Amino acid sequence: MSAIARFFRNVSSEMHKVTWPTRKELLTYTVTVVITVILFALFFMLIDFGIEQIIKLIM
């Protein structure tokens, strides 16, 4: 049991060392991720559409 208690004390100690983002930073990071995901989705959608058209031309 002491090993488990020591583990959770260490976890608590490490959590106090974490630098948490501010609300503004979090919003900025979230918007960046959402925009990046949308751009990647559009990119792969265009690639998929292009491959589909090439396959239709071949068939």
PDB file of N, CA and C in Angstrom:
ATOM      1  N   MET A   1       0.818  -1.205   0.000  1.00  0.00           N
ATOM      2  CA  MET A   1       0.000   0.000   0.000  1.00  0.00           C
ATOM      3  C   MET A   1       0.858   1.264   0.000  1.00  0.00           C
ATOM      4  N   SER A   2       2.008   1.204   0.639  1.00  0.00           N
ATOM      5  CA  SER A   2       2.826   2.414   0.704  1.00  0.00           C
ATOM      6  C   SER A   2       3.344   2.807  -0.682  1.00  0.00           C
ATOM      7  N   ALA A   3       3.561   1.819  -1.554  1.00  0.00           N
ATOM      8  CA  ALA A   3       4.014   2.136  -2.905  1.00  0.00           C
ATOM      9  C   ALA A   3       2.935   2.901  -3.671  1.00  0.00           C
ATOM     10  N   ILE A   4       1.696   2.515  -3.471  1.00  0.00           N
ATOM     11  CA  ILE A   4       0.588   3.208  -4.136  1.00  0.00           C
ATOM     12  C   ILE A   4       0.459   4.627  -3.597  1.00  0.00           C
ATOM     13  N   ALA A   5       0.563   4.781  -2.286  1.00  0.00           N
ATOM     14  CA  ALA A   5       0.470   6.116  -1.680  1.00  0.00           C
ATOM     15  C   ALA A   5       1.622   6.998  -2.153  1.00  0.00           C
ATOM     16  N   ARG A   6       2.816   6.434  -2.260  1.00  0.00           N
ATOM     17  CA  ARG A   6       3.981   7.190  -2.733  1.00  0.00           C
ATOM     18  C   ARG A   6       3.775   7.613  -4.187  1.00  0.00           C
ATOM     19  N   PHE A   7       3.211   6.698  -4.974  1.00  0.00           N
ATOM     20  CA  PHE A   7       2.937   7.012  -6.372  1.00  0.00           C
ATOM     21  C   PHE A   7       2.015   8.230  -6.485  1.00  0.00           C
ATOM     22  N   PHE A   8       0.922   8.232  -5.716  1.00  0.00           N
ATOM     23  CA  PHE A   8      -0.024   9.344  -5.802  1.00  0.00           C
ATOM     24  C   PHE A   8       0.558  10.636  -5.227  1.00  0.00           C
ATOM     25  N   ARG A   9       1.429  10.548  -4.226  1.00  0.00           N
ATOM     26  CA  ARG A   9       2.116  11.754  -3.734  1.00  0.00           C
ATOM     27  C   ARG A   9       3.018  12.318  -4.821  1.00  0.00           C
ATOM     28  N   ASN A  10       3.713  11.438  -5.546  1.00  0.00           N
ATOM     29  CA  ASN A  10       4.573  11.891  -6.639  1.00  0.00           C
ATOM     30  C   ASN A  10       3.747  12.510  -7.772  1.00  0.00           C
ATOM     31  N   VAL A  11       2.621  11.903  -8.062  1.00  0.00           N
ATOM     32  CA  VAL A  11       1.738  12.463  -9.096  1.00  0.00           C
ATOM     33  C   VAL A  11       1.283  13.851  -8.684  1.00  0.00           C
ATOM     34  N   SER A  12       0.860  13.996  -7.443  1.00  0.00           N
ATOM     35  CA  SER A  12       0.410  15.301  -6.953  1.00  0.00           C
ATOM     36  C   SER A  12       1.530  16.329  -7.022  1.00  0.00           C
ATOM     37  N   SER A  13       2.729  15.915  -6.648  1.00  0.00           N
ATOM     38  CA  SER A  13       3.884  16.819  -6.695  1.00  0.00           C
ATOM     39  C   SER A  13       4.158  17.278  -8.127  1.00  0.00           C
ATOM     40  N   GLU A  14       4.107  16.350  -9.071  1.00  0.00           N
ATOM     41  CA  GLU A  14       4.364  16.699 -10.470  1.00  0.00           C
ATOM     42  C   GLU A  14       3.258  17.588 -11.037  1.00  0.00           C
ATOM     43  N   MET A  15       2.024  17.366 -10.633  1.00  0.00           N
ATOM     44  CA  MET A  15       0.920  18.178 -11.131  1.00  0.00           C
ATOM     45  C   MET A  15       1.052  19.632 -10.694  1.00  0.00           C
ATOM     46  N   HIS A  16       1.693  19.868  -9.545  1.00  0.00           N
ATOM     47  CA  HIS A  16       1.894  21.247  -9.091  1.00  0.00           C
ATOM     48  C   HIS A  16       2.964  21.952  -9.917  1.00  0.00           C
ATOM     49  N   LYS A  17       3.807  21.189 -10.609  1.00  0.00           N
ATOM     50  CA  LYS A  17       4.863  21.769 -11.435  1.00  0.00           C
ATOM     51  C   LYS A  17       4.383  22.120 -12.838  1.00  0.00           C
ATOM     52  N   VAL A  18       3.207  21.629 -13.216  1.00  0.00           N
ATOM     53  CA  VAL A  18       2.680  21.840 -14.567  1.00  0.00           C
ATOM     54  C   VAL A  18       2.303  23.306 -14.749  1.00  0.00           C
ATOM     55  N   THR A  19       2.662  23.853 -15.901  1.00  0.00           N
ATOM     56  CA  THR A  19       2.241  25.205 -16.259  1.00  0.00           C
ATOM     57  C   THR A  19       1.002  25.080 -17.133  1.00  0.00           C
ATOM     58  N   TRP A  20      -0.135  25.479 -16.588  1.00  0.00           N
ATOM     59  CA  TRP A  20      -1.392  25.353 -17.305  1.00  0.00           C
ATOM     60  C   TRP A  20      -1.588  26.563 -18.209  1.00  0.00           C
ATOM     61  N   PRO A  21      -2.170  26.373 -19.405  1.00  0.00           N
ATOM     62  CA  PRO A  21      -2.393  27.505 -20.309  1.00  0.00           C
ATOM     63  C   PRO A  21      -3.484  28.427 -19.770  1.00  0.00           C
ATOM     64  N   THR A  22      -3.358  29.684 -20.141  1.00  0.00           N
ATOM     65  CA  THR A  22      -4.401  30.642 -19.781  1.00  0.00           C
ATOM     66  C   THR A  22      -5.610  30.400 -20.689  1.00  0.00           C
ATOM     67  N   ARG A  23      -6.717  31.036 -20.359  1.00  0.00           N
ATOM     68  CA  ARG A  23      -7.935  30.879 -21.169  1.00  0.00           C
ATOM     69  C   ARG A  23      -7.685  31.347 -22.608  1.00  0.00           C
ATOM     70  N   LYS A  24      -6.959  32.447 -22.765  1.00  0.00           N
ATOM     71  CA  LYS A  24      -6.677  32.983 -24.093  1.00  0.00           C
ATOM     72  C   LYS A  24      -5.794  32.020 -24.887  1.00  0.00           C
ATOM     73  N   GLU A  25      -4.754  31.480 -24.245  1.00  0.00           N
ATOM     74  CA  GLU A  25      -3.883  30.519 -24.913  1.00  0.00           C
ATOM     75  C   GLU A  25      -4.665  29.269 -25.315  1.00  0.00           C
ATOM     76  N   LEU A  26      -5.503  28.787 -24.422  1.00  0.00           N
ATOM     77  CA  LEU A  26      -6.302  27.594 -24.705  1.00  0.00           C
ATOM     78  C   LEU A  26      -7.219  27.822 -25.891  1.00  0.00           C
ATOM     79  N   LEU A  27      -7.855  28.982 -25.947  1.00  0.00           N
ATOM     80  CA  LEU A  27      -8.732  29.313 -27.071  1.00  0.00           C
ATOM     81  C   LEU A  27      -7.930  29.371 -28.374  1.00  0.00           C
ATOM     82  N   THR A  28      -6.756  29.991 -28.331  1.00  0.00           N
ATOM     83  CA  THR A  28      -5.899  30.092 -29.512  1.00  0.00           C
ATOM     84  C   THR A  28      -5.493  28.705 -29.997  1.00  0.00           C
ATOM     85  N   TYR A  29      -5.057  27.848 -29.077  1.00  0.00           N
ATOM     86  CA  TYR A  29      -4.644  26.491 -29.444  1.00  0.00           C
ATOM     87  C   TYR A  29      -5.809  25.697 -30.012  1.00  0.00           C
ATOM     88  N   THR A  30      -6.975  25.846 -29.420  1.00  0.00           N
ATOM     89  CA  THR A  30      -8.152  25.108 -29.875  1.00  0.00           C
ATOM     90  C   THR A  30      -8.556  25.541 -31.278  1.00  0.00           C
ATOM     91  N   VAL A  31      -8.579  26.835 -31.518  1.00  0.00           N
ATOM     92  CA  VAL A  31      -8.938  27.343 -32.851  1.00  0.00           C
ATOM     93  C   VAL A  31      -7.914  26.872 -33.878  1.00  0.00           C
ATOM     94  N   THR A  32      -6.644  26.888 -33.528  1.00  0.00           N
ATOM     95  CA  THR A  32      -5.588  26.433 -34.433  1.00  0.00           C
ATOM     96  C   THR A  32      -5.787  24.969 -34.804  1.00  0.00           C
ATOM     97  N   VAL A  33      -6.089  24.147 -33.824  1.00  0.00           N
ATOM     98  CA  VAL A  33      -6.298  22.712 -34.081  1.00  0.00           C
ATOM     99  C   VAL A  33      -7.523  22.495 -34.950  1.00  0.00           C
ATOM    100  N   VAL A  34      -8.618  23.172 -34.654  1.00  0.00           N
ATOM    101  CA  VAL A  34      -9.850  22.993 -35.439  1.00  0.00           C
ATOM    102  C   VAL A  34      -9.632  23.417 -36.886  1.00  0.00           C
ATOM    103  N   ILE A  35      -8.983  24.547 -37.106  1.00  0.00           N
ATOM    104  CA  ILE A  35      -8.718  25.019 -38.467  1.00  0.00           C
ATOM    105  C   ILE A  35      -7.802  24.047 -39.200  1.00  0.00           C
ATOM    106  N   THR A  36      -6.776  23.550 -38.523  1.00  0.00           N
ATOM    107  CA  THR A  36      -5.856  22.593 -39.132  1.00  0.00           C
ATOM    108  C   THR A  36      -6.588  21.314 -39.531  1.00  0.00           C
ATOM    109  N   VAL A  37      -7.441  20.813 -38.665  1.00  0.00           N
ATOM    110  CA  VAL A  37      -8.203  19.593 -38.971  1.00  0.00           C
ATOM    111  C   VAL A  37      -9.121  19.827 -40.170  1.00  0.00           C
ATOM    112  N   ILE A  38      -9.780  20.970 -40.221  1.00  0.00           N
ATOM    113  CA  ILE A  38     -10.664  21.281 -41.353  1.00  0.00           C
ATOM    114  C   ILE A  38      -9.868  21.358 -42.655  1.00  0.00           C
ATOM    115  N   LEU A  39      -8.710  22.004 -42.616  1.00  0.00           N
ATOM    116  CA  LEU A  39      -7.881  22.111 -43.824  1.00  0.00           C
ATOM    117  C   LEU A  39      -7.406  20.742 -44.303  1.00  0.00           C
ATOM    118  N   PHE A  40      -6.977  19.896 -43.366  1.00  0.00           N
ATOM    119  CA  PHE A  40      -6.559  18.548 -43.744  1.00  0.00           C
ATOM    120  C   PHE A  40      -7.731  17.761 -44.320  1.00  0.00           C
ATOM    121  N   ALA A  41      -8.902  17.894 -43.729  1.00  0.00           N
ATOM    122  CA  ALA A  41     -10.084  17.184 -44.232  1.00  0.00           C
ATOM    123  C   ALA A  41     -10.405  17.636 -45.660  1.00  0.00           C
ATOM    124  N   LEU A  42     -10.350  18.936 -45.908  1.00  0.00           N
ATOM    125  CA  LEU A  42     -10.601  19.442 -47.260  1.00  0.00           C
ATOM    126  C   LEU A  42      -9.550  18.944 -48.244  1.00  0.00           C
ATOM    127  N   PHE A  43      -8.304  18.945 -47.823  1.00  0.00           N
ATOM    128  CA  PHE A  43      -7.219  18.467 -48.676  1.00  0.00           C
ATOM    129  C   PHE A  43      -7.445  17.017 -49.076  1.00  0.00           C
ATOM    130  N   PHE A  44      -7.732  16.160 -48.099  1.00  0.00           N
ATOM    131  CA  PHE A  44      -7.931  14.748 -48.405  1.00  0.00           C
ATOM    132  C   PHE A  44      -9.226  14.507 -49.184  1.00  0.00           C
ATOM    133  N   MET A  45     -10.215  15.349 -48.976  1.00  0.00           N
ATOM    134  CA  MET A  45     -11.447  15.246 -49.754  1.00  0.00           C
ATOM    135  C   MET A  45     -11.156  15.541 -51.226  1.00  0.00           C
ATOM    136  N   LEU A  46     -10.355  16.568 -51.484  1.00  0.00           N
ATOM    137  CA  LEU A  46      -9.989  16.902 -52.862  1.00  0.00           C
ATOM    138  C   LEU A  46      -9.153  15.797 -53.496  1.00  0.00           C
ATOM    139  N   ILE A  47      -8.215  15.250 -52.750  1.00  0.00           N
ATOM    140  CA  ILE A  47      -7.401  14.146 -53.265  1.00  0.00           C
ATOM    141  C   ILE A  47      -8.291  12.952 -53.587  1.00  0.00           C
ATOM    142  N   ASP A  48      -9.213  12.626 -52.682  1.00  0.00           N
ATOM    143  CA  ASP A  48     -10.129  11.505 -52.898  1.00  0.00           C
ATOM    144  C   ASP A  48     -10.989  11.745 -54.131  1.00  0.00           C
ATOM    145  N   PHE A  49     -11.492  12.947 -54.285  1.00  0.00           N
ATOM    146  CA  PHE A  49     -12.306  13.282 -55.451  1.00  0.00           C
ATOM    147  C   PHE A  49     -11.486  13.142 -56.736  1.00  0.00           C
ATOM    148  N   GLY A  50     -10.251  13.610 -56.706  1.00  0.00           N
ATOM    149  CA  GLY A  50      -9.381  13.501 -57.886  1.00  0.00           C
ATOM    150  C   GLY A  50      -9.108  12.057 -58.260  1.00  0.00           C
ATOM    151  N   ILE A  51      -8.810  11.218 -57.278  1.00  0.00           N
ATOM    152  CA  ILE A  51      -8.564   9.801 -57.547  1.00  0.00           C
ATOM    153  C   ILE A  51      -9.829   9.142 -58.085  1.00  0.00           C
ATOM    154  N   GLU A  52     -10.975   9.502 -57.533  1.00  0.00           N
ATOM    155  CA  GLU A  52     -12.237   8.958 -58.008  1.00  0.00           C
ATOM    156  C   GLU A  52     -12.473   9.309 -59.466  1.00  0.00           C
ATOM    157  N   GLN A  53     -12.170  10.547 -59.857  1.00  0.00           N
ATOM    158  CA  GLN A  53     -12.362  10.967 -61.247  1.00  0.00           C
ATOM    159  C   GLN A  53     -11.394  10.234 -62.177  1.00  0.00           C
ATOM    160  N   ILE A  54     -10.185  10.018 -61.735  1.00  0.00           N
ATOM    161  CA  ILE A  54      -9.201   9.285 -62.544  1.00  0.00           C
ATOM    162  C   ILE A  54      -9.673   7.857 -62.757  1.00  0.00           C
ATOM    163  N   ILE A  55     -10.186   7.233 -61.712  1.00  0.00           N
ATOM    164  CA  ILE A  55     -10.679   5.858 -61.829  1.00  0.00           C
ATOM    165  C   ILE A  55     -11.884   5.796 -62.755  1.00  0.00           C
ATOM    166  N   LYS A  56     -12.764   6.797 -62.707  1.00  0.00           N
ATOM    167  CA  LYS A  56     -13.919   6.824 -63.612  1.00  0.00           C
ATOM    168  C   LYS A  56     -13.468   6.961 -65.072  1.00  0.00           C
ATOM    169  N   LEU A  57     -12.409   7.754 -65.303  1.00  0.00           N
ATOM    170  CA  LEU A  57     -11.900   7.903 -66.669  1.00  0.00           C
ATOM    171  C   LEU A  57     -11.307   6.598 -67.193  1.00  0.00           C
ATOM    172  N   ILE A  58     -10.642   5.873 -66.327  1.00  0.00           N
ATOM    173  CA  ILE A  58     -10.028   4.600 -66.714  1.00  0.00           C
ATOM    174  C   ILE A  58     -11.107   3.563 -67.023  1.00  0.00           C
ATOM    175  N   MET A  59     -12.149   3.521 -66.216  1.00  0.00           N
ATOM    176  CA  MET A  59     -13.211   2.524 -66.401  1.00  0.00           C
ATOM    177  C   MET A  59     -14.058   2.975 -67.542  1.00  0.00           C
TER     178      MET A  59
END
